[in-house]
Amino acid sequence: MTPDQIKQRIQAFKEGTQAQVRDLTGTQDHIEAVVVSEAFEGVSKVAQHKMIMALFTEEMTSGEVHALSLRTYTPEQFKKYSETFSSNPVPCIH
């Protein structure tokens, strides 16, 4: 799966979900994704990750996607995260 295909699937998860996805190794099987969704409101981080990982059960089982690293946020959490680091930038996914 390409990073764009993964992004499209994640963004189709729930209306308004946004994702930034990148291939970590150039082999399209080690992926990092930042996901922002209102669906995460009131849900633990573990449950948030399970929600997204469930979208890729077949690809993870087959090995098409070997590793999927996730950072999940509600819109409010992401806004706070962005504001915190705007004055002290850290490497971000573009």
N, C-alpha and C. Protein backbone atom coordinates (compact mmCIF):
# COMPACT_ATOMS: atom_id res chain seq x y z
N MET A 1 0.84 -1.19 0.00
CA MET A 1 0.00 0.00 0.00
C MET A 1 0.88 1.24 0.00
N THR A 2 0.49 2.19 -0.79
CA THR A 2 1.24 3.44 -0.81
C THR A 2 0.81 4.31 0.37
N PRO A 3 1.65 5.25 0.75
CA PRO A 3 1.23 6.19 1.80
C PRO A 3 -0.07 6.92 1.46
N ASP A 4 -0.27 7.25 0.18
CA ASP A 4 -1.52 7.93 -0.22
C ASP A 4 -2.72 7.03 -0.02
N GLN A 5 -2.60 5.74 -0.33
CA GLN A 5 -3.71 4.80 -0.11
C GLN A 5 -4.02 4.67 1.38
N ILE A 6 -2.99 4.63 2.20
CA ILE A 6 -3.18 4.54 3.65
C ILE A 6 -3.86 5.80 4.15
N LYS A 7 -3.40 6.95 3.68
CA LYS A 7 -4.01 8.22 4.08
C LYS A 7 -5.49 8.25 3.70
N GLN A 8 -5.81 7.84 2.49
CA GLN A 8 -7.20 7.84 2.04
C GLN A 8 -8.07 6.94 2.92
N ARG A 9 -7.56 5.77 3.25
CA ARG A 9 -8.34 4.85 4.09
C ARG A 9 -8.55 5.43 5.49
N ILE A 10 -7.51 6.01 6.06
CA ILE A 10 -7.64 6.61 7.39
C ILE A 10 -8.65 7.75 7.36
N GLN A 11 -8.54 8.62 6.35
CA GLN A 11 -9.44 9.78 6.28
C GLN A 11 -10.88 9.37 6.01
N ALA A 12 -11.09 8.19 5.45
CA ALA A 12 -12.45 7.69 5.22
C ALA A 12 -13.03 7.05 6.49
N PHE A 13 -12.21 6.86 7.51
CA PHE A 13 -12.60 6.24 8.78
C PHE A 13 -13.83 6.92 9.39
N LYS A 14 -13.76 8.20 9.57
CA LYS A 14 -14.87 9.01 10.09
C LYS A 14 -14.79 10.37 9.43
N GLU A 15 -15.94 10.95 9.15
CA GLU A 15 -15.97 12.27 8.51
C GLU A 15 -15.16 13.27 9.32
N GLY A 16 -14.34 14.04 8.63
CA GLY A 16 -13.53 15.07 9.29
C GLY A 16 -12.17 14.58 9.76
N THR A 17 -11.92 13.29 9.67
CA THR A 17 -10.61 12.76 10.09
C THR A 17 -9.54 13.23 9.11
N GLN A 18 -8.43 13.69 9.66
CA GLN A 18 -7.29 14.14 8.86
C GLN A 18 -6.08 13.27 9.19
N ALA A 19 -5.26 13.04 8.19
CA ALA A 19 -4.06 12.22 8.41
C ALA A 19 -2.89 12.75 7.61
N GLN A 20 -1.72 12.62 8.21
CA GLN A 20 -0.45 12.86 7.52
C GLN A 20 0.28 11.51 7.58
N VAL A 21 0.72 11.04 6.45
CA VAL A 21 1.30 9.70 6.38
C VAL A 21 2.63 9.77 5.62
N ARG A 22 3.61 9.02 6.12
CA ARG A 22 4.87 8.94 5.37
C ARG A 22 5.46 7.54 5.47
N ASP A 23 6.17 7.19 4.44
CA ASP A 23 6.88 5.93 4.34
C ASP A 23 8.24 6.13 5.02
N LEU A 24 8.51 5.36 6.05
CA LEU A 24 9.74 5.57 6.83
C LEU A 24 10.99 4.97 6.18
N THR A 25 10.80 3.97 5.31
CA THR A 25 11.96 3.25 4.79
C THR A 25 12.09 3.27 3.27
N GLY A 26 11.06 3.76 2.58
CA GLY A 26 11.07 3.74 1.12
C GLY A 26 10.58 2.42 0.55
N THR A 27 10.14 1.51 1.41
CA THR A 27 9.69 0.19 0.96
C THR A 27 8.17 0.02 1.05
N GLN A 28 7.48 1.05 1.51
CA GLN A 28 6.03 1.09 1.65
C GLN A 28 5.48 0.03 2.60
N ASP A 29 6.32 -0.46 3.53
CA ASP A 29 5.81 -1.40 4.52
C ASP A 29 6.07 -0.95 5.96
N HIS A 30 6.77 0.16 6.13
CA HIS A 30 6.99 0.78 7.44
C HIS A 30 6.45 2.20 7.34
N ILE A 31 5.31 2.42 7.97
CA ILE A 31 4.57 3.66 7.78
C ILE A 31 4.40 4.39 9.12
N GLU A 32 4.45 5.72 9.05
CA GLU A 32 4.16 6.57 10.21
C GLU A 32 2.96 7.44 9.84
N ALA A 33 2.00 7.53 10.76
CA ALA A 33 0.81 8.34 10.50
C ALA A 33 0.46 9.17 11.73
N VAL A 34 0.13 10.43 11.46
CA VAL A 34 -0.44 11.32 12.47
C VAL A 34 -1.91 11.45 12.09
N VAL A 35 -2.80 11.13 13.04
CA VAL A 35 -4.23 11.11 12.75
C VAL A 35 -4.95 12.01 13.74
N VAL A 36 -5.79 12.91 13.20
CA VAL A 36 -6.58 13.83 14.02
C VAL A 36 -8.05 13.56 13.70
N SER A 37 -8.82 13.23 14.76
CA SER A 37 -10.23 12.89 14.54
C SER A 37 -11.07 13.19 15.78
N GLU A 38 -12.26 13.72 15.53
CA GLU A 38 -13.22 13.91 16.61
C GLU A 38 -13.67 12.57 17.18
N ALA A 39 -13.53 11.50 16.41
CA ALA A 39 -13.91 10.16 16.88
C ALA A 39 -13.08 9.72 18.08
N PHE A 40 -11.97 10.39 18.34
CA PHE A 40 -11.10 10.04 19.46
C PHE A 40 -11.52 10.70 20.78
N GLU A 41 -12.49 11.60 20.73
CA GLU A 41 -12.95 12.28 21.94
C GLU A 41 -13.38 11.25 22.99
N GLY A 42 -12.79 11.35 24.19
CA GLY A 42 -13.17 10.48 25.30
C GLY A 42 -12.71 9.04 25.17
N VAL A 43 -11.80 8.77 24.23
CA VAL A 43 -11.32 7.42 23.98
C VAL A 43 -9.83 7.34 24.36
N SER A 44 -9.43 6.28 25.04
CA SER A 44 -8.03 6.14 25.44
C SER A 44 -7.13 6.03 24.23
N LYS A 45 -5.85 6.35 24.41
CA LYS A 45 -4.87 6.25 23.32
C LYS A 45 -4.82 4.82 22.77
N VAL A 46 -4.84 3.83 23.65
CA VAL A 46 -4.80 2.44 23.20
C VAL A 46 -6.00 2.15 22.31
N ALA A 47 -7.18 2.58 22.71
CA ALA A 47 -8.39 2.35 21.91
C ALA A 47 -8.34 3.13 20.59
N GLN A 48 -7.79 4.33 20.62
CA GLN A 48 -7.63 5.12 19.39
C GLN A 48 -6.77 4.37 18.39
N HIS A 49 -5.65 3.83 18.87
CA HIS A 49 -4.74 3.11 17.99
C HIS A 49 -5.39 1.84 17.46
N LYS A 50 -6.15 1.16 18.30
CA LYS A 50 -6.85 -0.04 17.84
C LYS A 50 -7.87 0.30 16.76
N MET A 51 -8.52 1.44 16.88
CA MET A 51 -9.50 1.86 15.88
C MET A 51 -8.83 2.01 14.51
N ILE A 52 -7.66 2.62 14.49
CA ILE A 52 -6.96 2.83 13.22
C ILE A 52 -6.32 1.54 12.73
N MET A 53 -5.70 0.79 13.61
CA MET A 53 -5.06 -0.47 13.21
C MET A 53 -6.08 -1.44 12.60
N ALA A 54 -7.31 -1.40 13.10
CA ALA A 54 -8.36 -2.29 12.58
C ALA A 54 -8.64 -2.05 11.09
N LEU A 55 -8.33 -0.85 10.62
CA LEU A 55 -8.52 -0.53 9.21
C LEU A 55 -7.54 -1.28 8.31
N PHE A 56 -6.48 -1.82 8.90
CA PHE A 56 -5.40 -2.44 8.13
C PHE A 56 -5.12 -3.88 8.55
N THR A 57 -6.12 -4.56 9.10
CA THR A 57 -5.93 -5.93 9.57
C THR A 57 -5.39 -6.84 8.47
N GLU A 58 -6.01 -6.78 7.31
CA GLU A 58 -5.60 -7.65 6.20
C GLU A 58 -4.16 -7.37 5.77
N GLU A 59 -3.82 -6.09 5.64
CA GLU A 59 -2.48 -5.71 5.19
C GLU A 59 -1.41 -6.04 6.25
N MET A 60 -1.77 -5.93 7.52
CA MET A 60 -0.82 -6.27 8.58
C MET A 60 -0.63 -7.78 8.64
N THR A 61 -1.71 -8.54 8.46
CA THR A 61 -1.63 -10.00 8.48
C THR A 61 -0.82 -10.53 7.32
N SER A 62 -1.00 -9.96 6.15
CA SER A 62 -0.29 -10.42 4.95
C SER A 62 1.16 -9.94 4.91
N GLY A 63 1.49 -8.92 5.69
CA GLY A 63 2.83 -8.35 5.68
C GLY A 63 3.00 -7.22 4.68
N GLU A 64 1.91 -6.91 3.95
CA GLU A 64 1.99 -5.78 3.01
C GLU A 64 2.36 -4.50 3.76
N VAL A 65 1.79 -4.34 4.94
CA VAL A 65 2.21 -3.29 5.86
C VAL A 65 2.80 -4.00 7.06
N HIS A 66 4.09 -3.84 7.25
CA HIS A 66 4.80 -4.54 8.33
C HIS A 66 4.70 -3.76 9.65
N ALA A 67 4.81 -2.45 9.58
CA ALA A 67 4.80 -1.62 10.78
C ALA A 67 4.02 -0.35 10.50
N LEU A 68 3.15 -0.01 11.43
CA LEU A 68 2.36 1.22 11.33
C LEU A 68 2.48 1.96 12.65
N SER A 69 3.27 3.01 12.65
CA SER A 69 3.47 3.83 13.84
C SER A 69 2.42 4.95 13.83
N LEU A 70 1.72 5.09 14.94
CA LEU A 70 0.62 6.06 15.01
C LEU A 70 0.84 7.10 16.09
N ARG A 71 0.43 8.32 15.77
CA ARG A 71 0.25 9.39 16.76
C ARG A 71 -1.17 9.89 16.52
N THR A 72 -2.02 9.74 17.52
CA THR A 72 -3.44 10.09 17.37
C THR A 72 -3.80 11.24 18.31
N TYR A 73 -4.66 12.12 17.81
CA TYR A 73 -5.06 13.30 18.56
C TYR A 73 -6.52 13.62 18.28
N THR A 74 -7.18 14.21 19.27
CA THR A 74 -8.44 14.88 19.00
C THR A 74 -8.07 16.23 18.38
N PRO A 75 -9.00 16.91 17.73
CA PRO A 75 -8.66 18.23 17.19
C PRO A 75 -8.13 19.19 18.27
N GLU A 76 -8.73 19.16 19.45
CA GLU A 76 -8.28 20.04 20.53
C GLU A 76 -6.86 19.68 20.98
N GLN A 77 -6.58 18.40 21.12
CA GLN A 77 -5.23 17.97 21.51
C GLN A 77 -4.20 18.38 20.46
N PHE A 78 -4.56 18.23 19.20
CA PHE A 78 -3.62 18.59 18.14
C PHE A 78 -3.37 20.08 18.12
N LYS A 79 -4.41 20.87 18.36
CA LYS A 79 -4.24 22.32 18.41
C LYS A 79 -3.27 22.69 19.53
N LYS A 80 -3.44 22.10 20.71
CA LYS A 80 -2.55 22.37 21.84
C LYS A 80 -1.12 21.92 21.51
N TYR A 81 -1.01 20.75 20.91
CA TYR A 81 0.30 20.23 20.51
C TYR A 81 0.98 21.19 19.54
N SER A 82 0.24 21.63 18.55
CA SER A 82 0.78 22.55 17.54
C SER A 82 1.20 23.87 18.16
N GLU A 83 0.38 24.41 19.07
CA GLU A 83 0.70 25.68 19.72
C GLU A 83 1.93 25.53 20.61
N THR A 84 2.07 24.41 21.29
CA THR A 84 3.19 24.17 22.18
C THR A 84 4.51 24.20 21.43
N PHE A 85 4.51 23.62 20.22
CA PHE A 85 5.74 23.49 19.48
C PHE A 85 5.94 24.56 18.42
N SER A 86 4.99 25.47 18.27
CA SER A 86 5.16 26.50 17.24
C SER A 86 6.31 27.43 17.55
N SER A 87 6.57 27.67 18.84
CA SER A 87 7.69 28.54 19.20
C SER A 87 8.99 27.76 19.40
N ASN A 88 8.89 26.44 19.47
CA ASN A 88 10.05 25.58 19.64
C ASN A 88 9.89 24.39 18.72
N PRO A 89 10.12 24.59 17.42
CA PRO A 89 9.82 23.55 16.42
C PRO A 89 10.56 22.23 16.66
N VAL A 90 9.87 21.17 16.36
CA VAL A 90 10.45 19.83 16.36
C VAL A 90 10.19 19.25 14.97
N PRO A 91 10.92 18.22 14.61
CA PRO A 91 10.66 17.61 13.30
C PRO A 91 9.21 17.18 13.19
N CYS A 92 8.58 17.54 12.09
CA CYS A 92 7.17 17.23 11.86
C CYS A 92 7.03 16.49 10.54
N ILE A 93 5.94 15.81 10.41
CA ILE A 93 5.61 15.16 9.15
C ILE A 93 5.04 16.21 8.22
N HIS A 94 5.53 16.26 7.02
CA HIS A 94 5.02 17.21 6.03
C HIS A 94 4.28 16.50 4.96
